[in-house]
Amino acid sequence: MKIASHLEEGRFLERMNRFAALVRLGGAEVVAHVPNSGRMGELLRPGATVLVARRGPGRATCCDLVMVQEGTRLVSLDARLPPGLVAEAMLEGRLPELGRFDRVRREVRVGQSRLDLAAEGDSGTIFVETKSVTLVRDGLALFPDAPTSRGARHLLELRRLAEDGHGAAVVFVVQRGDGERFRPNVEADSTFAALLREVAGAVLVLAYGCRVTRGEVAIDRRVPVEL
């Protein structure tokens, strides 16, 4: 997926709340929207180099905080990207584990939840929920980094769909290049981790890593899942 906006470099100063951060940009301090409700404390440290995308008028914030530099590596922070990344890869046939599809619908209402994708094609129909992963420790990608009751609800909806005979999958998208394997983060949310292991017999559990540059974020490899 190409990054449509020109990205400007700034310095992270502080997290004001879940969705706002103070950033030094071009000699001024500005408030940037953080499109990710995760804590990301290991990434968003004072002085960290961040990349922001300017947005139009009429918003409370002037820009979106979309990437952070960790050493020589760029990490994509935008939790809105994974559904598009997975849909793009599915339509291009780069995720054979999910099947072959020629149509992907976004934001599909199912029960009490709204799932990210419903894909249709030669392989039938499969409902897919994606999760953005930014936390990696020594090659181990972990999700979540904070408790997620919403994530647990999605897993239950996927299991119900599977029990009704539909295809169902949860896809963890590691938005950085150093994730070598994936595991649910028991320390952050033991309930989610236990539920993921429980539904894995019915729901397909997959993880993929990404290539991240200033101009593009794209799924480029499958990551082993350890449950």
Protein backbone atom coordinates (compact mmCIF):
# COMPACT_ATOMS: atom_id res chain seq x y z
CA MET A 1 0.00 0.00 0.00
CA LYS A 2 1.48 3.30 -1.09
CA ILE A 3 1.61 6.16 1.40
CA ALA A 4 -0.39 8.86 -0.36
CA SER A 5 0.71 11.74 1.85
CA HIS A 6 4.09 13.41 2.06
CA LEU A 7 5.60 12.60 5.44
CA GLU A 8 7.39 15.20 7.56
CA GLU A 9 9.94 14.38 10.21
CA GLY A 10 9.45 15.53 13.78
CA ARG A 11 10.27 14.71 17.39
CA PHE A 12 7.88 13.02 19.75
CA LEU A 13 7.43 14.94 23.00
CA GLU A 14 4.61 13.31 24.94
CA ARG A 15 1.39 11.30 24.69
CA MET A 16 -1.43 13.59 25.74
CA ASN A 17 -4.12 10.92 25.64
CA ARG A 18 -4.87 7.76 23.67
CA PHE A 19 -5.39 9.61 20.41
CA ALA A 20 -3.27 12.74 20.70
CA ALA A 21 0.46 13.42 21.00
CA LEU A 22 2.58 16.52 21.29
CA VAL A 23 5.18 16.65 18.51
CA ARG A 24 7.89 19.16 17.65
CA LEU A 25 7.52 19.83 13.95
CA GLY A 26 9.39 22.50 12.01
CA GLY A 27 10.40 24.40 15.14
CA ALA A 28 6.87 24.44 16.58
CA GLU A 29 5.00 22.21 18.97
CA VAL A 30 1.86 20.73 17.38
CA VAL A 31 -0.79 18.25 18.43
CA ALA A 32 -0.86 15.16 16.22
CA HIS A 33 -3.59 12.56 16.00
CA VAL A 34 -2.41 9.09 17.07
CA PRO A 35 -4.34 6.55 14.92
CA ASN A 36 -3.73 3.72 17.37
CA SER A 37 -5.20 3.17 20.84
CA GLY A 38 -2.35 0.89 21.93
CA ARG A 39 0.09 2.06 24.57
CA MET A 40 3.23 1.79 22.39
CA GLY A 41 5.35 2.94 25.32
CA GLU A 42 8.44 1.19 24.00
CA LEU A 43 8.18 3.21 20.76
CA LEU A 44 6.75 6.59 21.69
CA ARG A 45 9.52 7.87 23.91
CA PRO A 46 10.44 11.54 24.35
CA GLY A 47 12.83 12.57 21.60
CA ALA A 48 11.95 9.72 19.25
CA THR A 49 11.97 10.55 15.55
CA VAL A 50 8.45 10.35 14.13
CA LEU A 51 6.91 10.84 10.70
CA VAL A 52 3.65 12.73 10.40
CA ALA A 53 1.21 13.40 7.56
CA ARG A 54 -0.40 16.83 7.32
CA ARG A 55 -4.19 16.87 7.16
CA GLY A 56 -6.65 19.44 5.89
CA PRO A 57 -8.45 22.14 7.88
CA GLY A 58 -11.45 21.49 10.06
CA ARG A 59 -9.77 19.03 12.40
CA ALA A 60 -8.71 19.39 16.01
CA THR A 61 -5.24 18.15 15.06
CA CYS A 62 -3.12 19.32 12.14
CA CYS A 63 -1.56 15.96 11.29
CA ASP A 64 -1.48 12.22 11.85
CA LEU A 65 1.42 10.47 13.56
CA VAL A 66 1.95 7.53 11.20
CA MET A 67 5.46 6.16 11.78
CA VAL A 68 8.22 6.13 14.35
CA GLN A 69 11.89 5.35 13.86
CA GLU A 70 13.38 2.75 16.16
CA GLY A 71 17.12 2.66 15.54
CA THR A 72 17.45 2.31 11.78
CA ARG A 73 14.00 0.72 11.43
CA LEU A 74 10.68 2.38 10.62
CA VAL A 75 7.59 1.14 12.43
CA SER A 76 4.13 1.89 11.06
CA LEU A 77 1.80 2.95 13.88
CA ASP A 78 -1.45 3.45 11.96
CA ALA A 79 -3.93 0.84 13.19
CA ARG A 80 -6.26 1.75 10.32
CA LEU A 81 -3.92 0.19 7.73
CA PRO A 82 -4.13 -3.59 8.34
CA PRO A 83 -7.59 -4.15 6.78
CA GLY A 84 -6.42 -2.49 3.57
CA LEU A 85 -3.08 -4.28 3.65
CA VAL A 86 -4.76 -7.66 4.02
CA ALA A 87 -7.44 -6.91 1.40
CA GLU A 88 -4.75 -5.80 -1.06
CA ALA A 89 -2.68 -8.94 -0.49
CA MET A 90 -5.73 -11.22 -0.72
CA LEU A 91 -6.84 -9.77 -4.05
CA GLU A 92 -3.30 -10.09 -5.40
CA GLY A 93 -3.15 -13.75 -4.35
CA ARG A 94 -0.32 -13.20 -1.88
CA LEU A 95 -2.09 -14.86 1.06
CA PRO A 96 -2.74 -18.38 -0.23
CA GLU A 97 -3.47 -19.61 3.30
CA LEU A 98 -6.76 -17.68 3.15
CA GLY A 99 -7.71 -18.81 -0.37
CA ARG A 100 -8.38 -17.08 -3.71
CA PHE A 101 -10.77 -14.15 -3.84
CA ASP A 102 -11.93 -11.59 -6.37
CA ARG A 103 -14.07 -9.42 -4.11
CA VAL A 104 -13.44 -8.05 -0.63
CA ARG A 105 -16.00 -6.04 1.35
CA ARG A 106 -14.90 -3.76 4.18
CA GLU A 107 -16.53 -3.04 7.56
CA VAL A 108 -19.04 -5.89 7.57
CA ARG A 109 -21.69 -5.91 10.30
CA VAL A 110 -21.87 -9.30 12.05
CA GLY A 111 -23.90 -9.79 15.21
CA GLN A 112 -22.91 -7.14 17.73
CA SER A 113 -19.61 -6.41 16.01
CA ARG A 114 -18.26 -4.95 12.81
CA LEU A 115 -15.59 -7.15 11.27
CA ASP A 116 -12.93 -5.75 8.97
CA LEU A 117 -13.37 -7.88 5.86
CA ALA A 118 -15.63 -10.37 4.09
CA ALA A 119 -13.91 -11.92 1.05
CA GLU A 120 -15.69 -13.84 -1.70
CA GLY A 121 -14.33 -15.93 -4.55
CA ASP A 122 -13.48 -19.44 -5.70
CA SER A 123 -12.74 -20.39 -2.10
CA GLY A 124 -16.20 -19.32 -0.95
CA THR A 125 -16.65 -16.62 1.69
CA ILE A 126 -14.41 -15.90 4.62
CA PHE A 127 -14.82 -13.30 7.36
CA VAL A 128 -11.55 -11.72 8.48
CA GLU A 129 -10.67 -9.53 11.45
CA THR A 130 -7.25 -7.87 11.37
CA LYS A 131 -5.15 -6.66 14.28
CA SER A 132 -2.29 -4.17 14.17
CA VAL A 133 0.89 -5.33 15.91
CA THR A 134 3.66 -2.86 16.78
CA LEU A 135 5.26 -4.53 19.80
CA VAL A 136 8.28 -6.74 19.02
CA ARG A 137 10.79 -8.04 21.60
CA ASP A 138 13.84 -9.94 20.37
CA GLY A 139 12.03 -10.96 17.20
CA LEU A 140 8.83 -11.97 19.02
CA ALA A 141 5.76 -9.99 17.92
CA LEU A 142 3.15 -9.60 20.65
CA PHE A 143 -0.51 -8.54 20.70
CA PRO A 144 -2.10 -6.78 22.45
CA ASP A 145 0.01 -4.28 24.35
CA ALA A 146 -3.00 -3.28 26.47
CA PRO A 147 -6.25 -5.06 27.49
CA THR A 148 -8.70 -5.36 24.60
CA SER A 149 -12.29 -6.36 25.32
CA ARG A 150 -13.13 -5.41 21.74
CA GLY A 151 -10.56 -7.89 20.46
CA ALA A 152 -12.09 -10.64 22.58
CA ARG A 153 -15.54 -9.82 21.24
CA HIS A 154 -14.25 -10.15 17.69
CA LEU A 155 -12.82 -13.59 18.45
CA LEU A 156 -16.18 -14.75 19.79
CA GLU A 157 -17.96 -13.47 16.67
CA LEU A 158 -15.46 -15.28 14.45
CA ARG A 159 -15.95 -18.52 16.35
CA ARG A 160 -19.72 -18.22 16.03
CA LEU A 161 -19.35 -17.72 12.27
CA ALA A 162 -17.08 -20.77 12.03
CA GLU A 163 -19.58 -22.86 14.00
CA ASP A 164 -22.28 -21.76 11.54
CA GLY A 165 -20.20 -23.11 8.68
CA HIS A 166 -18.54 -19.92 7.45
CA GLY A 167 -14.85 -19.32 6.90
CA ALA A 168 -13.36 -17.21 9.69
CA ALA A 169 -9.87 -15.88 10.32
CA VAL A 170 -8.02 -13.44 12.54
CA VAL A 171 -4.91 -11.94 10.96
CA PHE A 172 -2.21 -10.22 13.01
CA VAL A 173 -0.33 -7.68 10.89
CA VAL A 174 3.13 -6.88 12.27
CA GLN A 175 3.75 -3.38 10.95
CA ARG A 176 7.54 -3.59 11.07
CA GLY A 177 10.32 -5.66 9.57
CA ASP A 178 11.78 -7.48 12.57
CA GLY A 179 8.91 -9.73 13.67
CA GLU A 180 10.11 -13.32 13.25
CA ARG A 181 7.26 -15.06 15.08
CA PHE A 182 3.99 -14.11 16.79
CA ARG A 183 2.50 -14.92 20.17
CA PRO A 184 -0.48 -13.52 22.12
CA ASN A 185 0.69 -11.20 24.89
CA VAL A 186 -0.33 -12.96 28.10
CA GLU A 187 1.18 -10.23 30.28
CA ALA A 188 -0.96 -7.51 28.72
CA ASP A 189 -4.24 -9.45 28.43
CA SER A 190 -4.38 -13.04 29.65
CA THR A 191 -8.11 -13.27 28.80
CA PHE A 192 -7.51 -12.45 25.14
CA ALA A 193 -4.54 -14.85 24.98
CA ALA A 194 -6.56 -17.71 26.46
CA LEU A 195 -9.51 -17.02 24.16
CA LEU A 196 -7.27 -16.94 21.09
CA ARG A 197 -5.94 -20.39 21.97
CA GLU A 198 -9.48 -21.59 22.59
CA VAL A 199 -10.92 -20.46 19.24
CA ALA A 200 -7.87 -21.50 17.19
CA GLY A 201 -9.38 -24.91 16.47
CA ALA A 202 -12.27 -23.28 14.60
CA VAL A 203 -10.84 -19.92 13.53
CA LEU A 204 -7.79 -19.62 11.30
CA VAL A 205 -5.06 -17.69 13.15
CA LEU A 206 -2.40 -16.11 10.93
CA ALA A 207 0.32 -13.50 11.28
CA TYR A 208 2.23 -11.56 8.63
CA GLY A 209 5.15 -9.16 8.71
CA CYS A 210 5.48 -5.97 6.68
CA ARG A 211 8.03 -4.05 4.69
CA VAL A 212 7.87 -0.45 5.91
CA THR A 213 9.36 2.53 4.08
CA ARG A 214 8.47 6.21 3.94
CA GLY A 215 6.57 5.56 0.72
CA GLU A 216 4.96 2.18 1.32
CA VAL A 217 3.72 -0.35 3.85
CA ALA A 218 3.14 -3.83 2.46
CA ILE A 219 2.75 -7.38 3.74
CA ASP A 220 5.82 -9.30 2.60
CA ARG A 221 6.06 -12.54 4.59
CA ARG A 222 4.18 -14.99 6.78
CA VAL A 223 5.18 -15.11 10.45
CA PRO A 224 4.85 -18.36 12.47
CA VAL A 225 2.17 -18.27 15.19
CA GLU A 226 2.97 -19.70 18.62
CA LEU A 227 -0.06 -20.44 20.77
